[in-house]
Protein backbone atom coordinates (compact mmCIF):
# COMPACT_ATOMS: atom_id res chain seq x y z
CA MET A 1 -23.23 -5.21 19.06
CA TYR A 2 -21.18 -2.04 19.04
CA THR A 3 -24.06 0.24 20.05
CA ASN A 4 -23.56 -0.76 23.69
CA ARG A 5 -19.85 0.08 23.54
CA ARG A 6 -20.01 3.42 21.74
CA CYS A 7 -17.37 5.99 22.50
CA GLN A 8 -19.03 7.98 25.24
CA VAL A 9 -17.78 10.86 27.29
CA VAL A 10 -16.28 9.42 30.43
CA THR A 11 -18.31 10.34 33.47
CA ALA A 12 -16.74 12.51 36.13
CA LYS A 13 -16.76 9.53 38.50
CA LYS A 14 -14.67 7.42 36.12
CA LYS A 15 -12.57 10.15 34.55
CA LEU A 16 -8.86 9.88 35.22
CA ALA A 17 -7.09 12.82 36.78
CA ASN A 18 -5.53 15.12 34.18
CA CYS A 19 -6.89 13.01 31.32
CA LYS A 20 -7.08 14.99 28.09
CA TYR A 21 -9.22 12.45 26.22
CA ASN A 22 -12.98 12.23 26.17
CA CYS A 23 -13.05 8.54 25.25
CA PRO A 24 -10.74 5.54 24.81
CA VAL A 25 -11.02 5.60 21.00
CA GLU A 26 -9.69 9.16 20.99
CA ALA A 27 -6.75 8.09 23.15
CA THR A 28 -6.05 5.13 20.85
CA MET A 29 -6.09 7.32 17.75
CA GLU A 30 -3.71 9.78 19.40
CA ALA A 31 -1.28 7.01 20.35
CA ILE A 32 -1.24 4.87 17.19
CA GLY A 33 -3.29 6.70 14.56
CA GLY A 34 -2.10 8.44 11.45
CA LYS A 35 -0.48 7.32 8.24
CA TRP A 36 2.76 5.84 9.57
CA LYS A 37 2.51 4.64 13.18
CA LEU A 38 0.57 1.45 12.49
CA LEU A 39 2.96 0.50 9.68
CA ILE A 40 5.92 1.04 12.00
CA ILE A 41 4.21 -1.03 14.70
CA HIS A 42 3.34 -3.75 12.17
CA HIS A 43 7.00 -4.17 11.23
CA LEU A 44 8.31 -3.94 14.80
CA LEU A 45 5.90 -6.66 15.91
CA GLU A 46 7.88 -8.93 13.56
CA GLY A 47 11.01 -8.22 15.61
CA THR A 48 13.66 -5.67 16.50
CA LYS A 49 14.67 -3.38 13.64
CA ARG A 50 17.24 -0.69 12.97
CA PHE A 51 16.21 2.66 11.52
CA ASN A 52 17.42 1.86 7.99
CA GLU A 53 15.55 -1.45 8.03
CA LEU A 54 12.33 0.35 8.85
CA GLN A 55 12.99 2.91 6.14
CA LYS A 56 13.44 0.12 3.57
CA LEU A 57 10.25 -1.60 4.74
CA ILE A 58 8.27 1.66 4.47
CA PRO A 59 9.88 3.37 1.46
CA ALA A 60 7.27 6.13 1.15
CA VAL A 61 8.05 7.58 4.60
CA THR A 62 10.64 10.34 4.77
CA GLN A 63 13.56 10.11 7.17
CA ARG A 64 12.25 13.11 9.10
CA MET A 65 8.74 11.64 9.43
CA LEU A 66 10.02 8.21 10.47
CA THR A 67 12.22 9.83 13.12
CA SER A 68 9.29 11.90 14.38
CA LYS A 69 6.87 8.96 14.59
CA LEU A 70 9.43 6.71 16.29
CA ARG A 71 10.04 9.42 18.89
CA GLU A 72 6.29 9.75 19.52
CA LEU A 73 5.90 5.98 19.88
CA GLU A 74 8.88 5.90 22.26
CA ARG A 75 7.51 8.82 24.28
CA ASP A 76 4.17 7.02 24.65
CA GLY A 77 5.82 3.80 25.87
CA ILE A 78 4.90 1.77 22.79
CA VAL A 79 8.37 1.44 21.25
CA HIS A 80 11.71 0.93 22.99
CA ARG A 81 14.85 2.57 21.57
CA LYS A 82 18.16 0.93 22.45
CA VAL A 83 21.40 2.79 21.73
CA TYR A 84 24.64 0.83 21.65
CA ALA A 85 27.85 2.59 22.70
CA GLU A 86 29.89 1.82 19.62
CA VAL A 87 31.26 3.51 16.52
CA PRO A 88 29.45 3.93 14.23
CA PRO A 89 26.40 4.39 16.47
CA LYS A 90 23.93 1.53 16.49
CA VAL A 91 20.29 2.07 17.44
CA GLU A 92 17.59 -0.60 17.51
CA TYR A 93 13.84 -0.26 17.90
CA SER A 94 11.53 -2.86 19.38
CA MET A 95 8.06 -3.05 20.86
CA THR A 96 7.67 -2.60 24.61
CA GLU A 97 5.61 -5.10 26.56
CA PHE A 98 2.77 -2.58 26.60
CA GLY A 99 3.23 -1.88 22.88
CA GLN A 100 2.82 -5.57 22.10
CA THR A 101 -0.74 -5.42 23.43
CA VAL A 102 -1.76 -3.70 20.18
CA GLU A 103 -1.11 -6.90 18.17
CA PRO A 104 -4.63 -8.41 18.46
CA MET A 105 -6.13 -5.14 17.25
CA LEU A 106 -3.71 -5.08 14.32
CA TRP A 107 -4.82 -8.58 13.31
CA VAL A 108 -8.46 -7.47 13.36
CA MET A 109 -7.50 -4.52 11.16
CA HIS A 110 -5.58 -6.90 8.86
CA ASP A 111 -8.60 -9.15 8.44
CA TRP A 112 -10.93 -6.20 7.87
CA GLY A 113 -8.53 -4.68 5.33
CA LYS A 114 -8.27 -7.99 3.48
CA ALA A 115 -12.07 -8.26 3.30
CA PHE A 116 -12.27 -4.65 2.12
CA MET A 117 -9.70 -5.28 -0.63
CA GLU A 118 -11.52 -8.44 -1.79
CA ARG A 119 -14.83 -6.63 -2.26
CA GLY A 120 -13.72 -5.76 -5.76
């Protein structure tokens, strides 16, 4: 039952040095929360993608927002950005090894979302 695993303030003994989060759920939401990050992650878990591919897969996201969210995911070590030295420039995005650890959580969210949609 979830009551035993509630998001609690980390005790001083367990608190990480310079940690700005009060609980793991807060850290998770900062890293992958929001309207676009999980959709980006969902598509990158299917395989490496170029920017335009992601934009086609998520047509409602603006170019500026997609760029911003990809940079945040890269900064946090979730997404890897590979730039090829060629003309025209070629950039590919993929999940890092650490980023791939979010996949089981995404499947749980998928199943929950499906059940929510089927409620009628």
